[in-house]
Amino acid sequence: MPGSKGGGLRFAAATMGVPLADTVAIGDSDNDLTVNEVAGIGIAMGNGEQCAKDAADWVADAMDTSGLAHAFERLGVV
């Protein structure tokens, strides 16, 4: 059983046969640090805690300015 969000992502990726380099994590607080460090692309929300921003590969806009939607657009998901 994984002990952190990062461990959970490692477990899920291994179970599904997905390379970690092909994963994305989006977080906004200190409980998201491990998942942003493990993911192929770690994204922090613009209104998130500074520690989350520091651990991320890039910072999206704030949630109240459609930051999640813009992150998905930048990733090419939508």
PDB file of N, CA and C in Angstrom:
ATOM      1  N   MET A   1       0.851  -1.188   0.000  1.00  0.00           N
ATOM      2  CA  MET A   1       0.000   0.000   0.000  1.00  0.00           C
ATOM      3  C   MET A   1       0.889   1.240   0.000  1.00  0.00           C
ATOM      4  N   PRO A   2       0.647   2.161  -0.919  1.00  0.00           N
ATOM      5  CA  PRO A   2       1.443   3.390  -0.991  1.00  0.00           C
ATOM      6  C   PRO A   2       1.231   4.260   0.242  1.00  0.00           C
ATOM      7  N   GLY A   3       2.285   4.952   0.676  1.00  0.00           N
ATOM      8  CA  GLY A   3       2.184   5.799   1.853  1.00  0.00           C
ATOM      9  C   GLY A   3       2.079   7.283   1.548  1.00  0.00           C
ATOM     10  N   SER A   4       2.079   7.639   0.286  1.00  0.00           N
ATOM     11  CA  SER A   4       1.992   9.045  -0.104  1.00  0.00           C
ATOM     12  C   SER A   4       1.334   9.129  -1.478  1.00  0.00           C
ATOM     13  N   LYS A   5       0.994  10.327  -1.879  1.00  0.00           N
ATOM     14  CA  LYS A   5       0.429  10.493  -3.223  1.00  0.00           C
ATOM     15  C   LYS A   5       1.443  10.097  -4.288  1.00  0.00           C
ATOM     16  N   GLY A   6       2.707  10.395  -4.050  1.00  0.00           N
ATOM     17  CA  GLY A   6       3.753   9.982  -4.985  1.00  0.00           C
ATOM     18  C   GLY A   6       3.843   8.468  -5.081  1.00  0.00           C
ATOM     19  N   GLY A   7       3.765   7.794  -3.940  1.00  0.00           N
ATOM     20  CA  GLY A   7       3.750   6.337  -3.932  1.00  0.00           C
ATOM     21  C   GLY A   7       2.523   5.788  -4.635  1.00  0.00           C
ATOM     22  N   GLY A   8       1.403   6.455  -4.449  1.00  0.00           N
ATOM     23  CA  GLY A   8       0.179   6.043  -5.131  1.00  0.00           C
ATOM     24  C   GLY A   8       0.298   6.170  -6.639  1.00  0.00           C
ATOM     25  N   LEU A   9       0.928   7.246  -7.094  1.00  0.00           N
ATOM     26  CA  LEU A   9       1.129   7.410  -8.531  1.00  0.00           C
ATOM     27  C   LEU A   9       2.076   6.347  -9.066  1.00  0.00           C
ATOM     28  N   ARG A  10       3.150   6.076  -8.344  1.00  0.00           N
ATOM     29  CA  ARG A  10       4.078   5.007  -8.762  1.00  0.00           C
ATOM     30  C   ARG A  10       3.333   3.674  -8.889  1.00  0.00           C
ATOM     31  N   PHE A  11       2.509   3.354  -7.885  1.00  0.00           N
ATOM     32  CA  PHE A  11       1.760   2.110  -7.876  1.00  0.00           C
ATOM     33  C   PHE A  11       0.778   2.057  -9.051  1.00  0.00           C
ATOM     34  N   ALA A  12       0.015   3.125  -9.247  1.00  0.00           N
ATOM     35  CA  ALA A  12      -0.970   3.155 -10.331  1.00  0.00           C
ATOM     36  C   ALA A  12      -0.292   3.037 -11.692  1.00  0.00           C
ATOM     37  N   ALA A  13       0.792   3.762 -11.872  1.00  0.00           N
ATOM     38  CA  ALA A  13       1.489   3.715 -13.159  1.00  0.00           C
ATOM     39  C   ALA A  13       2.045   2.314 -13.419  1.00  0.00           C
ATOM     40  N   ALA A  14       2.643   1.705 -12.402  1.00  0.00           N
ATOM     41  CA  ALA A  14       3.188   0.355 -12.573  1.00  0.00           C
ATOM     42  C   ALA A  14       2.079  -0.646 -12.855  1.00  0.00           C
ATOM     43  N   THR A  15       0.963  -0.513 -12.162  1.00  0.00           N
ATOM     44  CA  THR A  15      -0.165  -1.424 -12.346  1.00  0.00           C
ATOM     45  C   THR A  15      -0.728  -1.328 -13.763  1.00  0.00           C
ATOM     46  N   MET A  16      -0.751  -0.124 -14.305  1.00  0.00           N
ATOM     47  CA  MET A  16      -1.315   0.084 -15.638  1.00  0.00           C
ATOM     48  C   MET A  16      -0.270   0.012 -16.742  1.00  0.00           C
ATOM     49  N   GLY A  17       0.989  -0.174 -16.366  1.00  0.00           N
ATOM     50  CA  GLY A  17       2.050  -0.254 -17.362  1.00  0.00           C
ATOM     51  C   GLY A  17       2.363   1.066 -18.032  1.00  0.00           C
ATOM     52  N   VAL A  18       2.175   2.154 -17.301  1.00  0.00           N
ATOM     53  CA  VAL A  18       2.427   3.491 -17.840  1.00  0.00           C
ATOM     54  C   VAL A  18       3.753   4.003 -17.276  1.00  0.00           C
ATOM     55  N   PRO A  19       4.673   4.418 -18.126  1.00  0.00           N
ATOM     56  CA  PRO A  19       5.920   4.997 -17.615  1.00  0.00           C
ATOM     57  C   PRO A  19       5.638   6.278 -16.818  1.00  0.00           C
ATOM     58  N   LEU A  20       6.347   6.473 -15.722  1.00  0.00           N
ATOM     59  CA  LEU A  20       6.149   7.688 -14.925  1.00  0.00           C
ATOM     60  C   LEU A  20       6.379   8.943 -15.756  1.00  0.00           C
ATOM     61  N   ALA A  21       7.244   8.856 -16.745  1.00  0.00           N
ATOM     62  CA  ALA A  21       7.498  10.011 -17.611  1.00  0.00           C
ATOM     63  C   ALA A  21       6.241  10.441 -18.357  1.00  0.00           C
ATOM     64  N   ASP A  22       5.270   9.557 -18.479  1.00  0.00           N
ATOM     65  CA  ASP A  22       4.029   9.864 -19.191  1.00  0.00           C
ATOM     66  C   ASP A  22       2.888  10.239 -18.258  1.00  0.00           C
ATOM     67  N   THR A  23       3.194  10.548 -17.004  1.00  0.00           N
ATOM     68  CA  THR A  23       2.159  10.907 -16.043  1.00  0.00           C
ATOM     69  C   THR A  23       2.173  12.403 -15.759  1.00  0.00           C
ATOM     70  N   VAL A  24       1.033  12.885 -15.282  1.00  0.00           N
ATOM     71  CA  VAL A  24       0.868  14.291 -14.914  1.00  0.00           C
ATOM     72  C   VAL A  24       0.204  14.339 -13.546  1.00  0.00           C
ATOM     73  N   ALA A  25       0.666  15.242 -12.707  1.00  0.00           N
ATOM     74  CA  ALA A  25       0.040  15.475 -11.409  1.00  0.00           C
ATOM     75  C   ALA A  25      -0.223  16.970 -11.268  1.00  0.00           C
ATOM     76  N   ILE A  26      -1.334  17.290 -10.651  1.00  0.00           N
ATOM     77  CA  ILE A  26      -1.690  18.685 -10.405  1.00  0.00           C
ATOM     78  C   ILE A  26      -2.014  18.827  -8.928  1.00  0.00           C
ATOM     79  N   GLY A  27      -1.359  19.765  -8.261  1.00  0.00           N
ATOM     80  CA  GLY A  27      -1.588  19.943  -6.836  1.00  0.00           C
ATOM     81  C   GLY A  27      -1.492  21.391  -6.409  1.00  0.00           C
ATOM     82  N   ASP A  28      -1.825  21.620  -5.133  1.00  0.00           N
ATOM     83  CA  ASP A  28      -1.812  22.995  -4.646  1.00  0.00           C
ATOM     84  C   ASP A  28      -1.301  23.152  -3.212  1.00  0.00           C
ATOM     85  N   SER A  29      -0.929  22.041  -2.569  1.00  0.00           N
ATOM     86  CA  SER A  29      -0.495  22.182  -1.178  1.00  0.00           C
ATOM     87  C   SER A  29       0.623  21.199  -0.837  1.00  0.00           C
ATOM     88  N   ASP A  30       1.055  21.244   0.419  1.00  0.00           N
ATOM     89  CA  ASP A  30       2.196  20.426   0.823  1.00  0.00           C
ATOM     90  C   ASP A  30       1.932  18.925   0.730  1.00  0.00           C
ATOM     91  N   ASN A  31       0.675  18.507   0.755  1.00  0.00           N
ATOM     92  CA  ASN A  31       0.403  17.076   0.624  1.00  0.00           C
ATOM     93  C   ASN A  31       0.534  16.598  -0.821  1.00  0.00           C
ATOM     94  N   ASP A  32       0.809  17.498  -1.748  1.00  0.00           N
ATOM     95  CA  ASP A  32       0.989  17.159  -3.160  1.00  0.00           C
ATOM     96  C   ASP A  32       2.454  17.160  -3.593  1.00  0.00           C
ATOM     97  N   LEU A  33       3.367  17.413  -2.681  1.00  0.00           N
ATOM     98  CA  LEU A  33       4.780  17.528  -3.048  1.00  0.00           C
ATOM     99  C   LEU A  33       5.311  16.246  -3.665  1.00  0.00           C
ATOM    100  N   THR A  34       5.051  15.096  -3.046  1.00  0.00           N
ATOM    101  CA  THR A  34       5.625  13.855  -3.562  1.00  0.00           C
ATOM    102  C   THR A  34       5.065  13.492  -4.923  1.00  0.00           C
ATOM    103  N   VAL A  35       3.796  13.737  -5.145  1.00  0.00           N
ATOM    104  CA  VAL A  35       3.212  13.371  -6.441  1.00  0.00           C
ATOM    105  C   VAL A  35       3.745  14.301  -7.537  1.00  0.00           C
ATOM    106  N   ASN A  36       3.944  15.569  -7.230  1.00  0.00           N
ATOM    107  CA  ASN A  36       4.497  16.484  -8.232  1.00  0.00           C
ATOM    108  C   ASN A  36       5.955  16.163  -8.532  1.00  0.00           C
ATOM    109  N   GLU A  37       6.677  15.639  -7.556  1.00  0.00           N
ATOM    110  CA  GLU A  37       8.074  15.265  -7.772  1.00  0.00           C
ATOM    111  C   GLU A  37       8.186  13.968  -8.567  1.00  0.00           C
ATOM    112  N   VAL A  38       7.252  13.044  -8.388  1.00  0.00           N
ATOM    113  CA  VAL A  38       7.289  11.740  -9.053  1.00  0.00           C
ATOM    114  C   VAL A  38       6.762  11.802 -10.486  1.00  0.00           C
ATOM    115  N   ALA A  39       5.769  12.606 -10.716  1.00  0.00           N
ATOM    116  CA  ALA A  39       5.110  12.664 -12.030  1.00  0.00           C
ATOM    117  C   ALA A  39       6.062  13.146 -13.121  1.00  0.00           C
ATOM    118  N   GLY A  40       5.788  12.699 -14.328  1.00  0.00           N
ATOM    119  CA  GLY A  40       6.553  13.183 -15.465  1.00  0.00           C
ATOM    120  C   GLY A  40       6.434  14.690 -15.616  1.00  0.00           C
ATOM    121  N   ILE A  41       5.232  15.196 -15.381  1.00  0.00           N
ATOM    122  CA  ILE A  41       4.984  16.637 -15.356  1.00  0.00           C
ATOM    123  C   ILE A  41       4.232  16.938 -14.073  1.00  0.00           C
ATOM    124  N   GLY A  42       4.813  17.764 -13.227  1.00  0.00           N
ATOM    125  CA  GLY A  42       4.165  18.201 -11.993  1.00  0.00           C
ATOM    126  C   GLY A  42       3.714  19.644 -12.150  1.00  0.00           C
ATOM    127  N   ILE A  43       2.435  19.870 -11.891  1.00  0.00           N
ATOM    128  CA  ILE A  43       1.850  21.199 -12.067  1.00  0.00           C
ATOM    129  C   ILE A  43       1.291  21.677 -10.736  1.00  0.00           C
ATOM    130  N   ALA A  44       1.548  22.914 -10.403  1.00  0.00           N
ATOM    131  CA  ALA A  44       0.963  23.528  -9.213  1.00  0.00           C
ATOM    132  C   ALA A  44      -0.054  24.574  -9.662  1.00  0.00           C
ATOM    133  N   MET A  45      -1.073  24.732  -8.868  1.00  0.00           N
ATOM    134  CA  MET A  45      -2.070  25.754  -9.153  1.00  0.00           C
ATOM    135  C   MET A  45      -1.532  27.109  -8.694  1.00  0.00           C
ATOM    136  N   GLY A  46      -1.852  28.139  -9.445  1.00  0.00           N
ATOM    137  CA  GLY A  46      -1.348  29.476  -9.165  1.00  0.00           C
ATOM    138  C   GLY A  46      -1.737  30.013  -7.810  1.00  0.00           C
ATOM    139  N   ASN A  47      -2.857  29.561  -7.281  1.00  0.00           N
ATOM    140  CA  ASN A  47      -3.295  30.002  -5.957  1.00  0.00           C
ATOM    141  C   ASN A  47      -2.843  29.041  -4.860  1.00  0.00           C
ATOM    142  N   GLY A  48      -1.983  28.091  -5.213  1.00  0.00           N
ATOM    143  CA  GLY A  48      -1.515  27.096  -4.249  1.00  0.00           C
ATOM    144  C   GLY A  48      -0.404  27.613  -3.356  1.00  0.00           C
ATOM    145  N   GLU A  49       0.011  26.749  -2.449  1.00  0.00           N
ATOM    146  CA  GLU A  49       1.089  27.082  -1.522  1.00  0.00           C
ATOM    147  C   GLU A  49       2.415  27.163  -2.273  1.00  0.00           C
ATOM    148  N   GLN A  50       3.309  28.005  -1.781  1.00  0.00           N
ATOM    149  CA  GLN A  50       4.606  28.200  -2.433  1.00  0.00           C
ATOM    150  C   GLN A  50       5.396  26.899  -2.526  1.00  0.00           C
ATOM    151  N   CYS A  51       5.306  26.057  -1.513  1.00  0.00           N
ATOM    152  CA  CYS A  51       6.050  24.800  -1.550  1.00  0.00           C
ATOM    153  C   CYS A  51       5.590  23.919  -2.709  1.00  0.00           C
ATOM    154  N   ALA A  52       4.299  23.956  -3.036  1.00  0.00           N
ATOM    155  CA  ALA A  52       3.787  23.186  -4.179  1.00  0.00           C
ATOM    156  C   ALA A  52       4.322  23.768  -5.483  1.00  0.00           C
ATOM    157  N   LYS A  53       4.365  25.079  -5.559  1.00  0.00           N
ATOM    158  CA  LYS A  53       4.894  25.737  -6.757  1.00  0.00           C
ATOM    159  C   LYS A  53       6.378  25.405  -6.945  1.00  0.00           C
ATOM    160  N   ASP A  54       7.119  25.379  -5.848  1.00  0.00           N
ATOM    161  CA  ASP A  54       8.550  25.071  -5.915  1.00  0.00           C
ATOM    162  C   ASP A  54       8.811  23.636  -6.367  1.00  0.00           C
ATOM    163  N   ALA A  55       7.915  22.720  -6.035  1.00  0.00           N
ATOM    164  CA  ALA A  55       8.089  21.306  -6.386  1.00  0.00           C
ATOM    165  C   ALA A  55       7.603  20.984  -7.795  1.00  0.00           C
ATOM    166  N   ALA A  56       6.882  21.906  -8.406  1.00  0.00           N
ATOM    167  CA  ALA A  56       6.257  21.648  -9.706  1.00  0.00           C
ATOM    168  C   ALA A  56       7.189  22.003 -10.864  1.00  0.00           C
ATOM    169  N   ASP A  57       6.893  21.398 -12.011  1.00  0.00           N
ATOM    170  CA  ASP A  57       7.611  21.754 -13.237  1.00  0.00           C
ATOM    171  C   ASP A  57       7.130  23.088 -13.782  1.00  0.00           C
ATOM    172  N   TRP A  58       5.842  23.348 -13.627  1.00  0.00           N
ATOM    173  CA  TRP A  58       5.317  24.648 -13.986  1.00  0.00           C
ATOM    174  C   TRP A  58       4.072  24.960 -13.173  1.00  0.00           C
ATOM    175  N   VAL A  59       3.728  26.243 -13.158  1.00  0.00           N
ATOM    176  CA  VAL A  59       2.612  26.733 -12.354  1.00  0.00           C
ATOM    177  C   VAL A  59       1.503  27.193 -13.284  1.00  0.00           C
ATOM    178  N   ALA A  60       0.319  26.654 -13.058  1.00  0.00           N
ATOM    179  CA  ALA A  60      -0.863  27.043 -13.834  1.00  0.00           C
ATOM    180  C   ALA A  60      -1.459  28.311 -13.244  1.00  0.00           C
ATOM    181  N   ASP A  61      -2.444  28.840 -13.911  1.00  0.00           N
ATOM    182  CA  ASP A  61      -3.189  29.978 -13.371  1.00  0.00           C
ATOM    183  C   ASP A  61      -3.935  29.536 -12.117  1.00  0.00           C
ATOM    184  N   ALA A  62      -4.460  30.494 -11.384  1.00  0.00           N
ATOM    185  CA  ALA A  62      -5.243  30.198 -10.189  1.00  0.00           C
ATOM    186  C   ALA A  62      -6.545  29.496 -10.558  1.00  0.00           C
ATOM    187  N   MET A  63      -7.075  28.743  -9.618  1.00  0.00           N
ATOM    188  CA  MET A  63      -8.325  28.016  -9.854  1.00  0.00           C
ATOM    189  C   MET A  63      -9.467  28.945 -10.246  1.00  0.00           C
ATOM    190  N   ASP A  64      -9.543  30.108  -9.607  1.00  0.00           N
ATOM    191  CA  ASP A  64     -10.665  31.007  -9.878  1.00  0.00           C
ATOM    192  C   ASP A  64     -10.530  31.761 -11.198  1.00  0.00           C
ATOM    193  N   THR A  65      -9.453  31.509 -11.933  1.00  0.00           N
ATOM    194  CA  THR A  65      -9.307  32.082 -13.278  1.00  0.00           C
ATOM    195  C   THR A  65      -9.153  30.963 -14.307  1.00  0.00           C
ATOM    196  N   SER A  66      -9.862  29.866 -14.051  1.00  0.00           N
ATOM    197  CA  SER A  66      -9.881  28.703 -14.961  1.00  0.00           C
ATOM    198  C   SER A  66      -8.512  28.050 -15.113  1.00  0.00           C
ATOM    199  N   GLY A  67      -7.726  28.069 -14.049  1.00  0.00           N
ATOM    200  CA  GLY A  67      -6.377  27.511 -14.099  1.00  0.00           C
ATOM    201  C   GLY A  67      -6.325  26.049 -14.487  1.00  0.00           C
ATOM    202  N   LEU A  68      -7.255  25.254 -13.987  1.00  0.00           N
ATOM    203  CA  LEU A  68      -7.256  23.833 -14.325  1.00  0.00           C
ATOM    204  C   LEU A  68      -7.567  23.633 -15.804  1.00  0.00           C
ATOM    205  N   ALA A  69      -8.546  24.351 -16.307  1.00  0.00           N
ATOM    206  CA  ALA A  69      -8.886  24.259 -17.736  1.00  0.00           C
ATOM    207  C   ALA A  69      -7.707  24.692 -18.599  1.00  0.00           C
ATOM    208  N   HIS A  70      -7.038  25.754 -18.205  1.00  0.00           N
ATOM    209  CA  HIS A  70      -5.886  26.228 -18.973  1.00  0.00           C
ATOM    210  C   HIS A  70      -4.740  25.212 -18.923  1.00  0.00           C
ATOM    211  N   ALA A  71      -4.563  24.549 -17.777  1.00  0.00           N
ATOM    212  CA  ALA A  71      -3.522  23.522 -17.678  1.00  0.00           C
ATOM    213  C   ALA A  71      -3.838  22.377 -18.627  1.00  0.00           C
ATOM    214  N   PHE A  72      -5.097  21.947 -18.679  1.00  0.00           N
ATOM    215  CA  PHE A  72      -5.492  20.883 -19.605  1.00  0.00           C
ATOM    216  C   PHE A  72      -5.276  21.304 -21.052  1.00  0.00           C
ATOM    217  N   GLU A  73      -5.582  22.561 -21.355  1.00  0.00           N
ATOM    218  CA  GLU A  73      -5.352  23.054 -22.725  1.00  0.00           C
ATOM    219  C   GLU A  73      -3.862  23.035 -23.052  1.00  0.00           C
ATOM    220  N   ARG A  74      -3.025  23.479 -22.120  1.00  0.00           N
ATOM    221  CA  ARG A  74      -1.586  23.505 -22.354  1.00  0.00           C
ATOM    222  C   ARG A  74      -1.046  22.085 -22.566  1.00  0.00           C
ATOM    223  N   LEU A  75      -1.623  21.125 -21.850  1.00  0.00           N
ATOM    224  CA  LEU A  75      -1.219  19.727 -22.002  1.00  0.00           C
ATOM    225  C   LEU A  75      -1.767  19.102 -23.276  1.00  0.00           C
ATOM    226  N   GLY A  76      -2.715  19.771 -23.906  1.00  0.00           N
ATOM    227  CA  GLY A  76      -3.330  19.228 -25.116  1.00  0.00           C
ATOM    228  C   GLY A  76      -4.407  18.195 -24.846  1.00  0.00           C
ATOM    229  N   VAL A  77      -4.941  18.216 -23.631  1.00  0.00           N
ATOM    230  CA  VAL A  77      -5.980  17.260 -23.249  1.00  0.00           C
ATOM    231  C   VAL A  77      -7.332  17.662 -23.821  1.00  0.00           C
ATOM    232  N   VAL A  78      -7.587  18.947 -23.910  1.00  0.00           N
ATOM    233  CA  VAL A  78      -8.867  19.439 -24.464  1.00  0.00           C
ATOM    234  C   VAL A  78      -8.601  20.401 -25.595  1.00  0.00           C
TER     235      VAL A  78
END
